[in-house]
Structure formats: structure tokens, C-alpha cells
Amino acid sequence: MVYYIRFFKLPKFVEVKGKRLRSIIAVITVQNDLGDLFLHEPTKLRVQLLRIDKNQNETICREQLVDWLGEGIQSLAITLNSVPENDCYKLYVSERLTSAASTEDFIIPRIIPGWSGLSSHWDVPAEALIERRFLLPPSQTRLKDEQDNTHLKLNTRQKRDAALGSVLLFHHLVNASLSRNKDPFLPQLHAHLNELHHPPTPPDTAQVAVLPSPPRVIELGSGTGLTGIYLSKVFSNLGSILLTDLSEAQDLLSRNISFNISTYSGEAAIPAIANHASVHHSILRWGEQFSQAAEPIDFSNIYLILTSDVTYNPASYIPLINTFTSIINMSNAPRTLILVSMKRRHESEEAFFVEMSKAEFRVIENADVALSVANGNDGDGSRNGGERIEFWVFELTR
């Protein structure tokens, strides 16, 4: 199982009386993605105070180890004393690992660390954002999560694990493309992605009046945008990737696109370096008539529709499936596949597959993967390599 560092009480400065020094106080927790389970095992956590200069470079200026005692513990208070004035800081909390993960592969740590900014004003908590960083080849991906106490502000039961699983999947598929010794476990999706990544060149482009439009991808329920942003880094020949969610998610998507793409303006991220596909974000309500949408969306040439952890709410199945159908009907792509990534949480999710079948979507392949854990221990007393993330690839048959 994967756990996340969260802040029960956001970091803030408190004054040390009679001195030009400050202390930093915060309360953290270590929870699963739903926030309903705490890390069962004792472990040591590393707390670092990072000084931020005007160029946003980070320097470690204080470090200490704290003990998470495990069973029965739901929170841990942190205090850093004698912090000088007039500097900008971040607080970083992670698990102290005895061995580093390989830099040649993407391994998800058992505990996802978190970075929190600090307000420069006395007794004012930090902004309700926690930053996650993932060392994903070919480069680091940085995301901000909004949080309200222990839950995400966007959705108090927002899921993350399936999005991490999707990144593992795409990392595997890219590696399978680069190495002839690796066989993809979703061969049809792999072949489809290769067509996106290496579109066929017309035999004589000089005689072609109009070249085919670059393939595009849309993600429904993007949340923080992790999956789509990573996809933009590894499939650079995509025309664009559109991240969609409700209106309250747009600011977070905007921040995360800006965080990860070199040049950003408004709703479109235009990459300044050639190995990134452009990334956009937009409001999309499932089941809504697109003609009545607040913002018009171009659904042409959509080759792939992505979703992660959208099957936990049965009430959303019909609107979501209707949106799948509408997008495919409006796209002029020769073939559109749907990738549904999910961590199965209850038996009622089987109804999603029934409704997909009724709407004439067929499963063309499926697979599952364990969320890799760097030290091989799940944190709940087991060593089973992590919970399973399922991948289902659908195609409309009519």
C-alpha cells in the first residue's frame, strides 16, 4: 500500500520571545489515498527545512529525524527551533530510506513525500497546498495538491493511486518501445501509442496538400493532472493533451501545468523545448451537452481518452459513458481507445462494466500492476508488493 505525507496543521512560524529567531511548528500524518488508514508500522521520517533563494533554488539549512510510532498513531507534531528571520523556506517531510531506488526505473516509494511552503508572516499558516515530486524519466514531474486539513480541497475523497498506476503503465510501455527485450502487457494499447508517438510519414509530402492533424489525447477527471502531464513528456509527437475536470479544479491544473512545462500562457502550455507535447486544461462536466458547455472544446482527432479512478461512484457511470460516446462521435480519428485505470474498492464497481457493455463498448484487453514499493514493505504488516491497479482498454463497437 502507498501512503502519503499530509499536514494536519500546516506549517507556520511562531516567535521566540526576546530573540530575533522563530520556530516552525506543524502537525503531519501518514495516510493512504482515501485518508481512512494510517501507516501501521513504526518508521523514521526525515524533516528538512529548505531555504529558497530568489531563483527558487533550494538549500538544506536544517534537518532532523522524527519517529512515527506506528500502530495507534494518527498524527505527529514537528517543531524546528531557532530559525533566522527574513528568509523564505519550505518544509520537506519524507521517509528515511536505507537504500536509494534505481535512477534507471520509476519506483514509487512506500510513503510519498511532501513539500509545504511557509508564509513569511508571523503566526500565519502556509498556503493550503502540498507539493509532490516524482522522479519520472525523462525528467522530474512536480505537482501541487490542494489540501484542507487531511483531505484534498478539490474533493475530500479524491483518489491518487490509480493515476500513479497509469504513470507506471506508460513508463513500462515507453521502455518496451525502447527495448526489444521487453514485451508490453497491453500490446494493443502499446501499438496504438506507438502510432501516436511515431505517426506514418506520407511517401511524398510535397504532393500532399494537407498533412494529417497530429493525434490528440483527452483526460477526464484529471485531478492534479499527473497522468496527462507525464504523457506529454514521453509522447512528444502528440498534437496536444487536454486535461479536463470541474471548474474548481482548474486553478490547480493551471498551477501544475505551469510547474512542469517551460512556457505557459492562460489555458494552453506551449512547450519551449521540443520534447514536450502541448498541454491544455478545460472545464468538462460529464453528461453535459457540449453545445451548452461554458467553454467550447475541440474534440477533433482524439485518439485516446484517459481516466483514473472514476468507477468509485456508480451515480457517475451513465454521464461518464455518455461523454465517452459523444467524444468519439465528434472525433475524426481513425480509431479512439479508452483507457480506464482503477483501484477496485467495492463490488458495486462491476456495474461500470455492465453499463459499458450496454453502451456497446467492448474490452479489447486488460492487465493489472502492483504499485511498486521501494523497500518492499506495504506498511500494513504485509509484504505483497502493493495494491493492484487495474487497466481496462475499451473500444466503441458501433
Protein backbone atom coordinates (compact mmCIF):
# COMPACT_ATOMS: atom_id res chain seq x y z
CA MET A 1 0.00 0.00 0.00
CA VAL A 2 1.15 3.52 -0.79
CA TYR A 3 0.89 6.21 1.88
CA TYR A 4 1.09 9.99 1.66
CA ILE A 5 2.58 12.65 3.92
CA ARG A 6 -0.15 15.18 4.74
CA PHE A 7 -0.35 18.10 7.12
CA PHE A 8 -2.97 18.01 9.88
CA LYS A 9 -1.80 21.53 10.76
CA LEU A 10 0.02 23.50 8.09
CA PRO A 11 3.50 24.82 8.92
CA LYS A 12 3.69 28.28 10.44
CA PHE A 13 6.21 30.48 12.24
CA VAL A 14 5.92 31.33 15.92
CA GLU A 15 8.08 33.95 17.63
CA VAL A 16 10.67 33.09 20.26
CA LYS A 17 10.19 35.81 22.83
CA GLY A 18 13.02 38.32 23.18
CA LYS A 19 15.01 36.95 20.23
CA ARG A 20 15.18 37.65 16.51
CA LEU A 21 14.52 33.98 15.89
CA ARG A 22 11.47 31.98 15.02
CA SER A 23 10.31 28.42 15.48
CA ILE A 24 8.34 26.45 12.90
CA ILE A 25 5.52 24.21 14.06
CA ALA A 26 3.42 21.75 12.08
CA VAL A 27 1.43 18.55 12.59
CA ILE A 28 1.73 15.79 9.99
CA THR A 29 0.09 12.45 9.31
CA VAL A 30 0.86 9.43 7.11
CA GLN A 31 -2.30 8.16 5.39
CA ASN A 32 -3.46 6.18 2.39
CA ASP A 33 -5.03 7.91 -0.61
CA LEU A 34 -8.53 7.94 0.89
CA GLY A 35 -7.32 9.23 4.25
CA ASP A 36 -9.05 6.41 6.14
CA LEU A 37 -5.96 4.32 7.00
CA PHE A 38 -2.81 5.38 8.84
CA LEU A 39 0.65 3.84 8.50
CA HIS A 40 0.62 0.83 10.81
CA GLU A 41 4.36 0.30 11.13
CA PRO A 42 6.90 2.43 13.01
CA THR A 43 9.40 4.26 10.82
CA LYS A 44 11.74 7.22 10.87
CA LEU A 45 10.78 10.35 8.97
CA ARG A 46 13.23 12.92 7.69
CA VAL A 47 12.27 16.58 8.17
CA GLN A 48 14.23 19.16 6.19
CA LEU A 49 13.98 22.93 6.26
CA LEU A 50 14.86 24.25 2.82
CA ARG A 51 15.90 27.85 2.22
CA ILE A 52 14.58 29.25 -1.08
CA ASP A 53 16.60 31.92 -2.89
CA LYS A 54 15.34 34.43 -5.46
CA ASN A 55 15.96 31.91 -8.28
CA GLN A 56 13.88 29.28 -6.46
CA ASN A 57 16.95 27.16 -5.71
CA GLU A 58 16.66 25.08 -2.55
CA THR A 59 19.34 24.67 0.11
CA ILE A 60 19.02 22.39 3.14
CA CYS A 61 19.56 24.55 6.20
CA ARG A 62 18.15 22.28 8.91
CA GLU A 63 17.48 18.55 9.12
CA GLN A 64 16.21 16.25 11.83
CA LEU A 65 14.79 12.75 12.17
CA VAL A 66 11.48 12.11 13.91
CA ASP A 67 9.85 8.83 14.91
CA TRP A 68 6.49 7.75 13.53
CA LEU A 69 5.47 5.18 16.16
CA GLY A 70 3.04 3.23 14.01
CA GLU A 71 0.00 1.38 15.29
CA GLY A 72 -2.48 3.64 17.05
CA ILE A 73 -0.73 6.84 15.91
CA GLN A 74 -2.67 9.26 13.73
CA SER A 75 -0.53 12.41 13.85
CA LEU A 76 2.90 13.71 14.76
CA ALA A 77 3.87 17.22 15.92
CA ILE A 78 7.02 18.76 14.42
CA THR A 79 8.96 21.71 15.83
CA LEU A 80 12.07 23.35 14.37
CA ASN A 81 13.63 25.92 16.69
CA SER A 82 15.88 28.94 16.12
CA VAL A 83 15.00 29.68 12.51
CA PRO A 84 16.50 33.01 11.31
CA GLU A 85 14.27 35.81 10.06
CA ASN A 86 13.98 37.30 6.58
CA ASP A 87 14.34 34.12 4.57
CA CYS A 88 11.85 32.08 2.54
CA TYR A 89 11.54 28.43 3.42
CA LYS A 90 9.88 25.15 2.51
CA LEU A 91 9.32 22.23 4.85
CA TYR A 92 10.04 18.79 3.36
CA VAL A 93 8.95 15.54 5.02
CA SER A 94 9.87 12.08 3.73
CA GLU A 95 10.60 8.58 4.96
CA ARG A 96 14.24 7.92 5.77
CA LEU A 97 15.22 5.13 3.40
CA THR A 98 18.19 2.85 3.93
CA SER A 99 18.75 2.42 0.19
CA ALA A 100 18.08 4.59 -2.83
CA ALA A 101 15.87 3.49 -5.71
CA SER A 102 17.44 2.93 -9.11
CA THR A 103 17.61 6.03 -11.26
CA GLU A 104 17.02 3.87 -14.33
CA ASP A 105 13.49 2.98 -13.36
CA PHE A 106 10.48 4.60 -11.76
CA ILE A 107 9.84 3.15 -8.31
CA ILE A 108 7.08 4.60 -6.17
CA PRO A 109 8.20 4.97 -2.54
CA ARG A 110 6.07 3.43 0.18
CA ILE A 111 5.49 6.93 1.59
CA ILE A 112 5.00 9.73 -0.94
CA PRO A 113 6.88 12.74 0.50
CA GLY A 114 5.51 16.26 0.65
CA TRP A 115 6.86 19.80 0.41
CA SER A 116 4.98 22.67 2.04
CA GLY A 117 5.66 26.36 1.55
CA LEU A 118 5.78 28.71 4.53
CA SER A 119 4.19 32.11 4.97
CA SER A 120 6.66 34.87 5.81
CA HIS A 121 4.13 36.44 8.18
CA TRP A 122 4.04 35.72 11.89
CA ASP A 123 1.54 33.09 13.01
CA VAL A 124 0.03 32.75 9.51
CA PRO A 125 -0.19 29.14 8.24
CA ALA A 126 1.22 28.14 4.87
CA GLU A 127 -0.91 28.11 1.76
CA ALA A 128 -3.12 25.01 1.69
CA LEU A 129 -1.01 23.30 -0.96
CA ILE A 130 1.31 20.34 -0.63
CA GLU A 131 3.82 19.67 -3.38
CA ARG A 132 4.61 16.16 -4.64
CA ARG A 133 7.64 15.39 -6.78
CA PHE A 134 8.06 12.26 -8.85
CA LEU A 135 11.36 11.32 -10.46
CA LEU A 136 9.86 10.13 -13.70
CA PRO A 137 12.14 9.56 -16.66
CA PRO A 138 12.84 11.57 -18.77
CA SER A 139 12.61 14.32 -16.13
CA GLN A 140 11.20 15.20 -12.75
CA THR A 141 7.48 15.90 -12.56
CA ARG A 142 6.27 18.25 -9.82
CA LEU A 143 2.67 18.59 -8.71
CA LYS A 144 0.77 20.54 -6.13
CA ASP A 145 -2.14 19.04 -4.24
CA GLU A 146 -4.66 21.29 -2.57
CA GLN A 147 -5.44 20.14 0.93
CA ASP A 148 -7.94 21.10 3.58
CA ASN A 149 -6.65 19.62 6.82
CA THR A 150 -6.07 15.96 5.92
CA HIS A 151 -8.10 15.84 2.70
CA LEU A 152 -7.78 17.41 -0.72
CA LYS A 153 -9.69 20.64 -1.02
CA LEU A 154 -10.91 19.81 -4.51
CA ASN A 155 -12.62 16.63 -3.42
CA THR A 156 -12.43 15.27 0.10
CA ARG A 157 -12.34 11.74 -1.28
CA GLN A 158 -10.19 12.33 -4.37
CA LYS A 159 -8.13 9.33 -5.47
CA ARG A 160 -4.48 9.27 -6.47
CA ASP A 161 -3.27 5.67 -6.58
CA ALA A 162 -4.75 4.84 -9.99
CA ALA A 163 -3.08 7.92 -11.50
CA LEU A 164 0.26 6.68 -10.13
CA GLY A 165 -0.54 3.29 -11.65
CA SER A 166 -1.19 4.94 -15.02
CA VAL A 167 2.23 6.58 -14.89
CA LEU A 168 3.80 3.18 -14.14
CA LEU A 169 1.93 1.77 -17.13
CA PHE A 170 3.11 4.48 -19.54
CA HIS A 171 6.65 4.21 -18.18
CA HIS A 172 6.57 0.47 -18.89
CA LEU A 173 5.14 0.97 -22.39
CA VAL A 174 7.78 3.56 -23.27
CA ASN A 175 10.54 1.24 -22.04
CA ALA A 176 9.06 -1.62 -24.06
CA SER A 177 9.29 0.59 -27.14
CA LEU A 178 12.95 1.39 -26.42
CA SER A 179 13.99 -2.18 -25.63
CA ARG A 180 13.32 -5.18 -27.84
CA ASN A 181 13.72 -7.42 -24.82
CA LYS A 182 10.63 -6.07 -23.04
CA ASP A 183 7.16 -7.25 -24.02
CA PRO A 184 4.28 -4.85 -23.25
CA PHE A 185 1.48 -6.40 -21.23
CA LEU A 186 -1.13 -4.33 -23.11
CA PRO A 187 0.05 -4.96 -26.69
CA GLN A 188 -2.86 -3.27 -28.48
CA LEU A 189 -2.58 -0.12 -26.40
CA HIS A 190 1.18 -0.23 -26.90
CA ALA A 191 0.78 -0.43 -30.69
CA HIS A 192 -1.77 2.39 -30.61
CA LEU A 193 0.57 4.61 -28.56
CA ASN A 194 3.43 3.85 -30.93
CA GLU A 195 1.27 5.13 -33.78
CA LEU A 196 0.73 8.32 -31.79
CA HIS A 197 4.44 8.61 -30.99
CA HIS A 198 5.67 7.78 -34.49
CA PRO A 199 2.94 8.78 -36.97
CA PRO A 200 3.44 7.43 -40.52
CA THR A 201 5.08 9.83 -42.96
CA PRO A 202 3.35 10.22 -46.36
CA PRO A 203 5.51 8.79 -49.17
CA ASP A 204 5.83 12.17 -50.88
CA THR A 205 4.89 15.05 -48.60
CA ALA A 206 5.48 17.55 -51.41
CA GLN A 207 2.39 16.20 -53.20
CA VAL A 208 0.18 16.16 -50.11
CA ALA A 209 -1.98 19.26 -49.89
CA VAL A 210 -2.99 18.78 -46.25
CA LEU A 211 -0.95 16.71 -43.81
CA PRO A 212 -2.83 14.66 -41.20
CA SER A 213 -3.52 16.55 -37.97
CA PRO A 214 -1.35 15.47 -35.04
CA PRO A 215 -3.09 12.96 -32.75
CA ARG A 216 -4.62 14.31 -29.55
CA VAL A 217 -5.41 12.91 -26.11
CA ILE A 218 -8.08 13.93 -23.62
CA GLU A 219 -8.17 13.06 -19.91
CA LEU A 220 -11.46 13.07 -17.98
CA GLY A 221 -11.37 13.83 -14.25
CA SER A 222 -7.72 14.92 -14.35
CA GLY A 223 -7.44 15.99 -10.69
CA THR A 224 -3.84 17.14 -10.26
CA GLY A 225 -3.02 16.33 -13.91
CA LEU A 226 -0.26 13.81 -13.09
CA THR A 227 -1.09 11.28 -15.83
CA GLY A 228 -1.57 13.78 -18.65
CA ILE A 229 1.48 15.84 -17.74
CA TYR A 230 3.69 12.75 -17.69
CA LEU A 231 2.24 11.61 -21.01
CA SER A 232 3.18 14.99 -22.54
CA LYS A 233 6.80 14.35 -21.59
CA VAL A 234 7.13 10.89 -23.08
CA PHE A 235 4.93 11.18 -26.20
CA SER A 236 6.24 14.38 -27.72
CA ASN A 237 4.62 13.89 -31.15
CA LEU A 238 1.13 14.32 -29.77
CA GLY A 239 -0.66 17.36 -31.10
CA SER A 240 -1.91 18.23 -27.62
CA ILE A 241 -3.17 16.78 -24.37
CA LEU A 242 -6.35 18.21 -22.89
CA LEU A 243 -6.83 17.86 -19.13
CA THR A 244 -10.46 18.25 -18.06
CA ASP A 245 -12.24 18.46 -14.74
CA LEU A 246 -14.80 20.60 -12.92
CA SER A 247 -14.39 24.36 -12.54
CA GLU A 248 -12.96 24.11 -9.03
CA ALA A 249 -10.04 22.02 -10.33
CA GLN A 250 -8.92 24.50 -12.98
CA ASP A 251 -6.63 26.61 -10.79
CA LEU A 252 -4.78 23.51 -9.58
CA LEU A 253 -4.42 22.18 -13.13
CA SER A 254 -3.15 25.57 -14.26
CA ARG A 255 -0.54 25.63 -11.49
CA ASN A 256 0.67 22.12 -12.21
CA ILE A 257 0.94 22.66 -15.96
CA SER A 258 2.88 25.85 -15.31
CA PHE A 259 5.03 23.99 -12.79
CA ASN A 260 6.09 21.38 -15.33
CA ILE A 261 6.02 22.99 -18.77
CA SER A 262 8.60 25.59 -19.71
CA THR A 263 6.37 28.24 -21.27
CA TYR A 264 2.82 28.71 -20.07
CA SER A 265 0.12 31.19 -21.02
CA GLY A 266 -3.52 31.09 -19.96
CA GLU A 267 -5.19 27.78 -20.71
CA ALA A 268 -2.50 26.43 -23.06
CA ALA A 269 1.01 25.38 -22.22
CA ILE A 270 3.26 25.88 -25.23
CA PRO A 271 6.49 23.97 -24.68
CA ALA A 272 9.73 25.88 -25.13
CA ILE A 273 11.65 22.64 -25.58
CA ALA A 274 10.89 20.26 -28.40
CA ASN A 275 10.39 17.09 -26.34
CA HIS A 276 7.10 18.11 -24.74
CA ALA A 277 3.62 17.92 -26.21
CA SER A 278 1.47 20.97 -25.52
CA VAL A 279 -0.90 20.69 -22.55
CA HIS A 280 -4.23 22.46 -22.13
CA HIS A 281 -6.92 22.36 -19.48
CA SER A 282 -10.65 22.99 -19.64
CA ILE A 283 -13.91 22.59 -17.73
CA LEU A 284 -15.90 19.49 -18.66
CA ARG A 285 -18.94 18.15 -16.86
CA TRP A 286 -19.76 14.55 -17.73
CA GLY A 287 -23.10 14.07 -19.46
CA GLU A 288 -23.44 17.76 -20.31
CA GLN A 289 -24.47 18.74 -23.81
CA PHE A 290 -21.25 20.05 -25.33
CA SER A 291 -23.18 22.76 -27.15
CA GLN A 292 -24.24 24.11 -23.74
CA ALA A 293 -20.76 24.00 -22.20
CA ALA A 294 -19.37 27.23 -20.75
CA GLU A 295 -16.19 26.81 -22.82
CA PRO A 296 -16.20 25.26 -26.32
CA ILE A 297 -13.90 22.26 -26.63
CA ASP A 298 -12.37 20.89 -29.80
CA PHE A 299 -12.82 17.11 -29.81
CA SER A 300 -11.32 16.51 -33.25
CA ASN A 301 -8.65 13.87 -33.75
CA ILE A 302 -8.92 12.37 -30.25
CA TYR A 303 -7.01 9.08 -30.44
CA LEU A 304 -7.03 8.26 -26.72
CA ILE A 305 -9.33 9.01 -23.77
CA LEU A 306 -7.78 8.62 -20.30
CA THR A 307 -9.49 8.22 -16.94
CA SER A 308 -8.15 7.25 -13.50
CA ASP A 309 -10.25 6.16 -10.51
CA VAL A 310 -13.61 7.15 -11.98
CA THR A 311 -15.50 3.97 -11.08
CA TYR A 312 -15.92 4.52 -7.32
CA ASN A 313 -19.22 6.43 -7.72
CA PRO A 314 -21.97 4.44 -9.50
CA ALA A 315 -24.05 7.62 -9.96
CA SER A 316 -21.45 8.92 -12.40
CA TYR A 317 -21.40 5.87 -14.71
CA ILE A 318 -24.08 6.93 -17.19
CA PRO A 319 -22.91 10.57 -17.55
CA LEU A 320 -19.32 9.37 -17.96
CA ILE A 321 -20.19 6.74 -20.57
CA ASN A 322 -22.35 9.23 -22.47
CA THR A 323 -19.33 11.56 -22.52
CA PHE A 324 -17.14 8.76 -23.90
CA THR A 325 -19.66 8.21 -26.70
CA SER A 326 -20.03 11.92 -27.52
CA ILE A 327 -16.28 12.50 -27.73
CA ILE A 328 -15.77 9.52 -30.03
CA ASN A 329 -18.67 10.58 -32.26
CA MET A 330 -17.20 14.09 -32.59
CA SER A 331 -13.64 12.90 -33.22
CA ASN A 332 -12.47 12.19 -36.75
CA ALA A 333 -9.63 9.94 -35.57
CA PRO A 334 -9.46 6.60 -37.40
CA ARG A 335 -9.52 4.80 -34.04
CA THR A 336 -10.17 6.02 -30.50
CA LEU A 337 -9.34 3.88 -27.48
CA ILE A 338 -10.37 4.44 -23.87
CA LEU A 339 -8.00 3.59 -21.02
CA VAL A 340 -9.68 3.20 -17.62
CA SER A 341 -7.28 2.86 -14.67
CA MET A 342 -8.83 1.85 -11.37
CA LYS A 343 -8.12 0.57 -7.90
CA ARG A 344 -11.10 -1.64 -7.16
CA ARG A 345 -12.63 -0.60 -3.84
CA HIS A 346 -16.02 -2.31 -3.70
CA GLU A 347 -18.07 -4.94 -5.54
CA SER A 348 -20.54 -2.39 -6.94
CA GLU A 349 -17.86 -1.19 -9.38
CA GLU A 350 -18.65 -4.24 -11.51
CA ALA A 351 -21.76 -2.32 -12.63
CA PHE A 352 -19.48 0.02 -14.59
CA PHE A 353 -18.53 -2.81 -16.94
CA VAL A 354 -22.19 -3.78 -17.35
CA GLU A 355 -23.10 -0.22 -18.34
CA MET A 356 -20.14 0.00 -20.74
CA SER A 357 -21.32 -3.18 -22.44
CA LYS A 358 -24.87 -1.80 -22.75
CA ALA A 359 -23.44 1.28 -24.47
CA GLU A 360 -21.66 -1.04 -26.95
CA PHE A 361 -18.13 -0.61 -25.60
CA ARG A 362 -16.08 -3.78 -25.63
CA VAL A 363 -12.97 -4.65 -23.64
CA ILE A 364 -10.13 -5.29 -26.07
CA GLU A 365 -7.53 -6.04 -23.36
CA ASN A 366 -6.84 -5.62 -19.66
CA ALA A 367 -3.99 -6.04 -17.19
CA ASP A 368 -3.02 -5.04 -13.67
CA VAL A 369 0.12 -3.94 -11.86
CA ALA A 370 1.19 -3.54 -8.24
CA LEU A 371 2.22 -0.11 -7.14
CA SER A 372 5.95 -0.70 -6.68
CA VAL A 373 7.23 -0.05 -3.17
CA ALA A 374 10.87 0.99 -2.83
CA ASN A 375 11.60 -1.05 0.28
CA GLY A 376 9.19 -3.89 -0.50
CA ASN A 377 7.06 -3.40 2.61
CA ASP A 378 3.45 -2.36 2.42
CA GLY A 379 3.28 -0.64 5.81
CA ASP A 380 0.27 -2.62 6.99
CA GLY A 381 2.31 -5.61 8.11
CA SER A 382 2.26 -7.35 4.71
CA ARG A 383 4.91 -7.62 2.00
CA ASN A 384 2.77 -8.23 -1.07
CA GLY A 385 4.33 -5.55 -3.25
CA GLY A 386 1.42 -3.11 -3.11
CA GLU A 387 -2.23 -2.90 -4.06
CA ARG A 388 -3.22 -3.80 -7.61
CA ILE A 389 -4.11 -1.13 -10.15
CA GLU A 390 -6.27 -2.45 -13.00
CA PHE A 391 -6.12 -1.20 -16.59
CA TRP A 392 -9.02 -1.73 -18.98
CA VAL A 393 -8.84 -0.75 -22.64
CA PHE A 394 -12.21 -0.20 -24.37
CA GLU A 395 -13.35 0.48 -27.91
CA LEU A 396 -16.75 1.52 -29.20
CA THR A 397 -18.11 -1.23 -31.47
CA ARG A 398 -20.70 0.75 -33.45
